Amino acid sequence: MTCKEAFQEISKYLDGELAADLKRVLDEHLCKCSHCKVVFDTTRKTIELYCNGKLFPMPERVRDRLHYALRRKFQQKAV
């Protein structure tokens, strides 16, 4: 399984809609690929936090970095 294929299946995996054989292949990939594991864990945690419905204040420093990154990204697309 490639990283691109793994990314395409993460949502189905987390929703419990992935066939058992494909789930096993994705689990094996996640054990070997730290980048995909980070994406998987972050996606899972984001869903858990969102579904929990609680809002958490974002530290000012993190918020400032996020805003800077978003502004930079939008400026790049505008060019």
PDB file of N, CA and C in Angstrom:
ATOM      1  N   MET A   1       0.843  -1.176   0.000  1.00  0.00           N
ATOM      2  CA  MET A   1       0.000   0.000   0.000  1.00  0.00           C
ATOM      3  C   MET A   1       0.882   1.230   0.000  1.00  0.00           C
ATOM      4  N   THR A   2       0.549   2.183  -0.847  1.00  0.00           N
ATOM      5  CA  THR A   2       1.278   3.443  -0.900  1.00  0.00           C
ATOM      6  C   THR A   2       0.670   4.430   0.094  1.00  0.00           C
ATOM      7  N   CYS A   3       1.393   5.495   0.361  1.00  0.00           N
ATOM      8  CA  CYS A   3       0.875   6.537   1.246  1.00  0.00           C
ATOM      9  C   CYS A   3      -0.399   7.153   0.660  1.00  0.00           C
ATOM     10  N   LYS A   4      -0.410   7.370  -0.635  1.00  0.00           N
ATOM     11  CA  LYS A   4      -1.592   7.955  -1.272  1.00  0.00           C
ATOM     12  C   LYS A   4      -2.804   7.045  -1.071  1.00  0.00           C
ATOM     13  N   GLU A   5      -2.623   5.756  -1.248  1.00  0.00           N
ATOM     14  CA  GLU A   5      -3.715   4.799  -1.039  1.00  0.00           C
ATOM     15  C   GLU A   5      -4.162   4.800   0.431  1.00  0.00           C
ATOM     16  N   ALA A   6      -3.188   4.893   1.332  1.00  0.00           N
ATOM     17  CA  ALA A   6      -3.511   4.927   2.761  1.00  0.00           C
ATOM     18  C   ALA A   6      -4.355   6.151   3.087  1.00  0.00           C
ATOM     19  N   PHE A   7      -3.963   7.316   2.567  1.00  0.00           N
ATOM     20  CA  PHE A   7      -4.723   8.543   2.820  1.00  0.00           C
ATOM     21  C   PHE A   7      -6.161   8.411   2.336  1.00  0.00           C
ATOM     22  N   GLN A   8      -6.347   7.732   1.230  1.00  0.00           N
ATOM     23  CA  GLN A   8      -7.685   7.590   0.657  1.00  0.00           C
ATOM     24  C   GLN A   8      -8.573   6.674   1.500  1.00  0.00           C
ATOM     25  N   GLU A   9      -7.985   5.830   2.313  1.00  0.00           N
ATOM     26  CA  GLU A   9      -8.753   4.857   3.086  1.00  0.00           C
ATOM     27  C   GLU A   9      -8.917   5.226   4.563  1.00  0.00           C
ATOM     28  N   ILE A  10      -8.219   6.243   5.026  1.00  0.00           N
ATOM     29  CA  ILE A  10      -8.248   6.590   6.446  1.00  0.00           C
ATOM     30  C   ILE A  10      -9.667   6.895   6.921  1.00  0.00           C
ATOM     31  N   SER A  11     -10.412   7.641   6.159  1.00  0.00           N
ATOM     32  CA  SER A  11     -11.768   8.002   6.561  1.00  0.00           C
ATOM     33  C   SER A  11     -12.651   6.769   6.723  1.00  0.00           C
ATOM     34  N   LYS A  12     -12.588   5.865   5.754  1.00  0.00           N
ATOM     35  CA  LYS A  12     -13.376   4.625   5.846  1.00  0.00           C
ATOM     36  C   LYS A  12     -12.941   3.801   7.056  1.00  0.00           C
ATOM     37  N   TYR A  13     -11.646   3.760   7.303  1.00  0.00           N
ATOM     38  CA  TYR A  13     -11.115   3.018   8.448  1.00  0.00           C
ATOM     39  C   TYR A  13     -11.709   3.560   9.744  1.00  0.00           C
ATOM     40  N   LEU A  14     -11.641   4.875   9.902  1.00  0.00           N
ATOM     41  CA  LEU A  14     -12.123   5.503  11.129  1.00  0.00           C
ATOM     42  C   LEU A  14     -13.633   5.397  11.281  1.00  0.00           C
ATOM     43  N   ASP A  15     -14.343   5.319  10.166  1.00  0.00           N
ATOM     44  CA  ASP A  15     -15.799   5.166  10.202  1.00  0.00           C
ATOM     45  C   ASP A  15     -16.221   3.716  10.378  1.00  0.00           C
ATOM     46  N   GLY A  16     -15.252   2.791  10.394  1.00  0.00           N
ATOM     47  CA  GLY A  16     -15.552   1.373  10.547  1.00  0.00           C
ATOM     48  C   GLY A  16     -16.142   0.753   9.296  1.00  0.00           C
ATOM     49  N   GLU A  17     -15.863   1.370   8.140  1.00  0.00           N
ATOM     50  CA  GLU A  17     -16.436   0.915   6.876  1.00  0.00           C
ATOM     51  C   GLU A  17     -15.419   0.230   5.965  1.00  0.00           C
ATOM     52  N   LEU A  18     -14.253  -0.063   6.486  1.00  0.00           N
ATOM     53  CA  LEU A  18     -13.200  -0.657   5.678  1.00  0.00           C
ATOM     54  C   LEU A  18     -13.255  -2.179   5.785  1.00  0.00           C
ATOM     55  N   ALA A  19     -13.174  -2.854   4.651  1.00  0.00           N
ATOM     56  CA  ALA A  19     -13.178  -4.318   4.639  1.00  0.00           C
ATOM     57  C   ALA A  19     -12.010  -4.835   5.479  1.00  0.00           C
ATOM     58  N   ALA A  20     -12.204  -5.970   6.117  1.00  0.00           N
ATOM     59  CA  ALA A  20     -11.220  -6.523   7.048  1.00  0.00           C
ATOM     60  C   ALA A  20      -9.851  -6.721   6.413  1.00  0.00           C
ATOM     61  N   ASP A  21      -9.801  -7.221   5.180  1.00  0.00           N
ATOM     62  CA  ASP A  21      -8.497  -7.450   4.547  1.00  0.00           C
ATOM     63  C   ASP A  21      -7.781  -6.134   4.245  1.00  0.00           C
ATOM     64  N   LEU A  22      -8.535  -5.117   3.833  1.00  0.00           N
ATOM     65  CA  LEU A  22      -7.930  -3.818   3.558  1.00  0.00           C
ATOM     66  C   LEU A  22      -7.514  -3.133   4.854  1.00  0.00           C
ATOM     67  N   LYS A  23      -8.284  -3.340   5.899  1.00  0.00           N
ATOM     68  CA  LYS A  23      -7.929  -2.795   7.216  1.00  0.00           C
ATOM     69  C   LYS A  23      -6.600  -3.370   7.684  1.00  0.00           C
ATOM     70  N   ARG A  24      -6.409  -4.664   7.484  1.00  0.00           N
ATOM     71  CA  ARG A  24      -5.153  -5.316   7.878  1.00  0.00           C
ATOM     72  C   ARG A  24      -3.974  -4.735   7.105  1.00  0.00           C
ATOM     73  N   VAL A  25      -4.167  -4.515   5.794  1.00  0.00           N
ATOM     74  CA  VAL A  25      -3.104  -3.947   4.963  1.00  0.00           C
ATOM     75  C   VAL A  25      -2.787  -2.519   5.422  1.00  0.00           C
ATOM     76  N   LEU A  26      -3.822  -1.746   5.726  1.00  0.00           N
ATOM     77  CA  LEU A  26      -3.599  -0.374   6.188  1.00  0.00           C
ATOM     78  C   LEU A  26      -2.910  -0.376   7.550  1.00  0.00           C
ATOM     79  N   ASP A  27      -3.313  -1.276   8.443  1.00  0.00           N
ATOM     80  CA  ASP A  27      -2.643  -1.387   9.747  1.00  0.00           C
ATOM     81  C   ASP A  27      -1.153  -1.676   9.575  1.00  0.00           C
ATOM     82  N   GLU A  28      -0.822  -2.582   8.651  1.00  0.00           N
ATOM     83  CA  GLU A  28       0.587  -2.904   8.384  1.00  0.00           C
ATOM     84  C   GLU A  28       1.333  -1.677   7.868  1.00  0.00           C
ATOM     85  N   HIS A  29       0.690  -0.925   6.978  1.00  0.00           N
ATOM     86  CA  HIS A  29       1.328   0.283   6.441  1.00  0.00           C
ATOM     87  C   HIS A  29       1.561   1.295   7.562  1.00  0.00           C
ATOM     88  N   LEU A  30       0.555   1.472   8.429  1.00  0.00           N
ATOM     89  CA  LEU A  30       0.680   2.441   9.517  1.00  0.00           C
ATOM     90  C   LEU A  30       1.790   2.064  10.490  1.00  0.00           C
ATOM     91  N   CYS A  31       2.042   0.783  10.645  1.00  0.00           N
ATOM     92  CA  CYS A  31       3.130   0.337  11.524  1.00  0.00           C
ATOM     93  C   CYS A  31       4.503   0.671  10.950  1.00  0.00           C
ATOM     94  N   LYS A  32       4.583   0.736   9.628  1.00  0.00           N
ATOM     95  CA  LYS A  32       5.862   0.971   8.955  1.00  0.00           C
ATOM     96  C   LYS A  32       6.094   2.429   8.587  1.00  0.00           C
ATOM     97  N   CYS A  33       5.009   3.206   8.425  1.00  0.00           N
ATOM     98  CA  CYS A  33       5.130   4.570   7.902  1.00  0.00           C
ATOM     99  C   CYS A  33       4.741   5.590   8.971  1.00  0.00           C
ATOM    100  N   SER A  34       5.729   6.246   9.525  1.00  0.00           N
ATOM    101  CA  SER A  34       5.457   7.207  10.601  1.00  0.00           C
ATOM    102  C   SER A  34       4.669   8.412  10.104  1.00  0.00           C
ATOM    103  N   HIS A  35       4.863   8.810   8.846  1.00  0.00           N
ATOM    104  CA  HIS A  35       4.124   9.957   8.311  1.00  0.00           C
ATOM    105  C   HIS A  35       2.628   9.659   8.243  1.00  0.00           C
ATOM    106  N   CYS A  36       2.270   8.512   7.723  1.00  0.00           N
ATOM    107  CA  CYS A  36       0.858   8.133   7.630  1.00  0.00           C
ATOM    108  C   CYS A  36       0.266   7.912   9.019  1.00  0.00           C
ATOM    109  N   LYS A  37       1.063   7.387   9.935  1.00  0.00           N
ATOM    110  CA  LYS A  37       0.596   7.172  11.305  1.00  0.00           C
ATOM    111  C   LYS A  37       0.247   8.498  11.963  1.00  0.00           C
ATOM    112  N   VAL A  38       1.049   9.518  11.725  1.00  0.00           N
ATOM    113  CA  VAL A  38       0.766  10.843  12.277  1.00  0.00           C
ATOM    114  C   VAL A  38      -0.541  11.383  11.695  1.00  0.00           C
ATOM    115  N   VAL A  39      -0.714  11.255  10.381  1.00  0.00           N
ATOM    116  CA  VAL A  39      -1.954  11.713   9.741  1.00  0.00           C
ATOM    117  C   VAL A  39      -3.145  10.948  10.321  1.00  0.00           C
ATOM    118  N   PHE A  40      -3.014   9.654  10.441  1.00  0.00           N
ATOM    119  CA  PHE A  40      -4.092   8.819  10.981  1.00  0.00           C
ATOM    120  C   PHE A  40      -4.440   9.236  12.412  1.00  0.00           C
ATOM    121  N   ASP A  41      -3.436   9.340  13.262  1.00  0.00           N
ATOM    122  CA  ASP A  41      -3.674   9.684  14.667  1.00  0.00           C
ATOM    123  C   ASP A  41      -4.263  11.081  14.811  1.00  0.00           C
ATOM    124  N   THR A  42      -3.762  12.019  14.025  1.00  0.00           N
ATOM    125  CA  THR A  42      -4.265  13.392  14.077  1.00  0.00           C
ATOM    126  C   THR A  42      -5.715  13.455  13.605  1.00  0.00           C
ATOM    127  N   THR A  43      -6.025  12.740  12.542  1.00  0.00           N
ATOM    128  CA  THR A  43      -7.394  12.711  12.033  1.00  0.00           C
ATOM    129  C   THR A  43      -8.329  12.089  13.065  1.00  0.00           C
ATOM    130  N   ARG A  44      -7.912  10.983  13.635  1.00  0.00           N
ATOM    131  CA  ARG A  44      -8.722  10.310  14.658  1.00  0.00           C
ATOM    132  C   ARG A  44      -8.976  11.230  15.848  1.00  0.00           C
ATOM    133  N   LYS A  45      -7.933  11.892  16.318  1.00  0.00           N
ATOM    134  CA  LYS A  45      -8.055  12.776  17.472  1.00  0.00           C
ATOM    135  C   LYS A  45      -8.928  13.982  17.142  1.00  0.00           C
ATOM    136  N   THR A  46      -8.807  14.515  15.945  1.00  0.00           N
ATOM    137  CA  THR A  46      -9.635  15.645  15.530  1.00  0.00           C
ATOM    138  C   THR A  46     -11.112  15.254  15.537  1.00  0.00           C
ATOM    139  N   ILE A  47     -11.411  14.084  15.025  1.00  0.00           N
ATOM    140  CA  ILE A  47     -12.796  13.604  15.015  1.00  0.00           C
ATOM    141  C   ILE A  47     -13.303  13.419  16.440  1.00  0.00           C
ATOM    142  N   GLU A  48     -12.475  12.850  17.290  1.00  0.00           N
ATOM    143  CA  GLU A  48     -12.873  12.651  18.686  1.00  0.00           C
ATOM    144  C   GLU A  48     -13.167  13.986  19.365  1.00  0.00           C
ATOM    145  N   LEU A  49     -12.307  14.959  19.160  1.00  0.00           N
ATOM    146  CA  LEU A  49     -12.506  16.273  19.775  1.00  0.00           C
ATOM    147  C   LEU A  49     -13.746  16.962  19.222  1.00  0.00           C
ATOM    148  N   TYR A  50     -13.930  16.866  17.921  1.00  0.00           N
ATOM    149  CA  TYR A  50     -15.079  17.507  17.287  1.00  0.00           C
ATOM    150  C   TYR A  50     -16.375  16.862  17.775  1.00  0.00           C
ATOM    151  N   CYS A  51     -16.399  15.555  17.830  1.00  0.00           N
ATOM    152  CA  CYS A  51     -17.607  14.844  18.245  1.00  0.00           C
ATOM    153  C   CYS A  51     -17.904  15.052  19.719  1.00  0.00           C
ATOM    154  N   ASN A  52     -16.879  15.315  20.485  1.00  0.00           N
ATOM    155  CA  ASN A  52     -17.049  15.571  21.911  1.00  0.00           C
ATOM    156  C   ASN A  52     -17.763  16.902  22.134  1.00  0.00           C
ATOM    157  N   GLY A  53     -17.610  17.817  21.205  1.00  0.00           N
ATOM    158  CA  GLY A  53     -18.317  19.084  21.252  1.00  0.00           C
ATOM    159  C   GLY A  53     -17.745  20.124  22.187  1.00  0.00           C
ATOM    160  N   LYS A  54     -16.666  19.835  22.842  1.00  0.00           N
ATOM    161  CA  LYS A  54     -16.067  20.797  23.755  1.00  0.00           C
ATOM    162  C   LYS A  54     -15.096  21.690  22.992  1.00  0.00           C
ATOM    163  N   LEU A  55     -15.106  22.953  23.322  1.00  0.00           N
ATOM    164  CA  LEU A  55     -14.155  23.883  22.726  1.00  0.00           C
ATOM    165  C   LEU A  55     -12.992  24.074  23.682  1.00  0.00           C
ATOM    166  N   PHE A  56     -11.810  24.084  23.118  1.00  0.00           N
ATOM    167  CA  PHE A  56     -10.614  24.303  23.910  1.00  0.00           C
ATOM    168  C   PHE A  56      -9.936  25.572  23.421  1.00  0.00           C
ATOM    169  N   PRO A  57      -9.547  26.429  24.334  1.00  0.00           N
ATOM    170  CA  PRO A  57      -8.860  27.652  23.893  1.00  0.00           C
ATOM    171  C   PRO A  57      -7.502  27.311  23.285  1.00  0.00           C
ATOM    172  N   MET A  58      -7.215  27.958  22.179  1.00  0.00           N
ATOM    173  CA  MET A  58      -5.942  27.743  21.522  1.00  0.00           C
ATOM    174  C   MET A  58      -4.930  28.725  22.111  1.00  0.00           C
ATOM    175  N   PRO A  59      -3.771  28.232  22.490  1.00  0.00           N
ATOM    176  CA  PRO A  59      -2.754  29.144  23.013  1.00  0.00           C
ATOM    177  C   PRO A  59      -2.443  30.246  21.987  1.00  0.00           C
ATOM    178  N   GLU A  60      -2.232  31.439  22.469  1.00  0.00           N
ATOM    179  CA  GLU A  60      -2.022  32.598  21.596  1.00  0.00           C
ATOM    180  C   GLU A  60      -0.878  32.363  20.610  1.00  0.00           C
ATOM    181  N   ARG A  61       0.186  31.781  21.074  1.00  0.00           N
ATOM    182  CA  ARG A  61       1.348  31.536  20.207  1.00  0.00           C
ATOM    183  C   ARG A  61       0.986  30.577  19.059  1.00  0.00           C
ATOM    184  N   VAL A  62       0.233  29.549  19.372  1.00  0.00           N
ATOM    185  CA  VAL A  62      -0.195  28.577  18.355  1.00  0.00           C
ATOM    186  C   VAL A  62      -1.152  29.252  17.374  1.00  0.00           C
ATOM    187  N   ARG A  63      -2.093  30.037  17.901  1.00  0.00           N
ATOM    188  CA  ARG A  63      -3.046  30.755  17.051  1.00  0.00           C
ATOM    189  C   ARG A  63      -2.315  31.702  16.099  1.00  0.00           C
ATOM    190  N   ASP A  64      -1.326  32.425  16.606  1.00  0.00           N
ATOM    191  CA  ASP A  64      -0.565  33.352  15.764  1.00  0.00           C
ATOM    192  C   ASP A  64       0.176  32.608  14.651  1.00  0.00           C
ATOM    193  N   ARG A  65       0.771  31.473  14.972  1.00  0.00           N
ATOM    194  CA  ARG A  65       1.479  30.675  13.955  1.00  0.00           C
ATOM    195  C   ARG A  65       0.507  30.151  12.910  1.00  0.00           C
ATOM    196  N   LEU A  66      -0.662  29.709  13.346  1.00  0.00           N
ATOM    197  CA  LEU A  66      -1.678  29.217  12.425  1.00  0.00           C
ATOM    198  C   LEU A  66      -2.140  30.328  11.491  1.00  0.00           C
ATOM    199  N   HIS A  67      -2.433  31.494  12.033  1.00  0.00           N
ATOM    200  CA  HIS A  67      -2.870  32.621  11.201  1.00  0.00           C
ATOM    201  C   HIS A  67      -1.792  33.012  10.201  1.00  0.00           C
ATOM    202  N   TYR A  68      -0.545  33.026  10.647  1.00  0.00           N
ATOM    203  CA  TYR A  68       0.558  33.359   9.745  1.00  0.00           C
ATOM    204  C   TYR A  68       0.647  32.351   8.601  1.00  0.00           C
ATOM    205  N   ALA A  69       0.558  31.075   8.945  1.00  0.00           N
ATOM    206  CA  ALA A  69       0.646  30.025   7.918  1.00  0.00           C
ATOM    207  C   ALA A  69      -0.517  30.121   6.941  1.00  0.00           C
ATOM    208  N   LEU A  70      -1.700  30.378   7.429  1.00  0.00           N
ATOM    209  CA  LEU A  70      -2.864  30.506   6.541  1.00  0.00           C
ATOM    210  C   LEU A  70      -2.746  31.718   5.623  1.00  0.00           C
ATOM    211  N   ARG A  71      -2.319  32.846   6.183  1.00  0.00           N
ATOM    212  CA  ARG A  71      -2.127  34.045   5.346  1.00  0.00           C
ATOM    213  C   ARG A  71      -1.112  33.777   4.245  1.00  0.00           C
ATOM    214  N   ARG A  72      -0.010  33.145   4.597  1.00  0.00           N
ATOM    215  CA  ARG A  72       1.039  32.829   3.622  1.00  0.00           C
ATOM    216  C   ARG A  72       0.502  31.912   2.526  1.00  0.00           C
ATOM    217  N   LYS A  73      -0.271  30.912   2.920  1.00  0.00           N
ATOM    218  CA  LYS A  73      -0.839  29.963   1.959  1.00  0.00           C
ATOM    219  C   LYS A  73      -1.803  30.667   0.999  1.00  0.00           C
ATOM    220  N   PHE A  74      -2.661  31.524   1.523  1.00  0.00           N
ATOM    221  CA  PHE A  74      -3.611  32.249   0.681  1.00  0.00           C
ATOM    222  C   PHE A  74      -2.895  33.219  -0.249  1.00  0.00           C
ATOM    223  N   GLN A  75      -1.828  33.838   0.216  1.00  0.00           N
ATOM    224  CA  GLN A  75      -1.051  34.751  -0.642  1.00  0.00           C
ATOM    225  C   GLN A  75      -0.401  33.987  -1.781  1.00  0.00           C
ATOM    226  N   GLN A  76       0.090  32.785  -1.509  1.00  0.00           N
ATOM    227  CA  GLN A  76       0.707  31.973  -2.546  1.00  0.00           C
ATOM    228  C   GLN A  76      -0.306  31.597  -3.620  1.00  0.00           C
ATOM    229  N   LYS A  77      -1.536  31.293  -3.210  1.00  0.00           N
ATOM    230  CA  LYS A  77      -2.582  30.927  -4.176  1.00  0.00           C
ATOM    231  C   LYS A  77      -3.023  32.119  -4.998  1.00  0.00           C
ATOM    232  N   ALA A  78      -2.946  33.315  -4.414  1.00  0.00           N
ATOM    233  CA  ALA A  78      -3.385  34.523  -5.112  1.00  0.00           C
ATOM    234  C   ALA A  78      -2.419  34.923  -6.227  1.00  0.00           C
ATOM    235  N   VAL A  79      -1.188  34.463  -6.130  1.00  0.00           N
ATOM    236  CA  VAL A  79      -0.169  34.839  -7.123  1.00  0.00           C
ATOM    237  C   VAL A  79      -0.255  34.015  -8.347  1.00  0.00           C
TER     238      VAL A  79
END
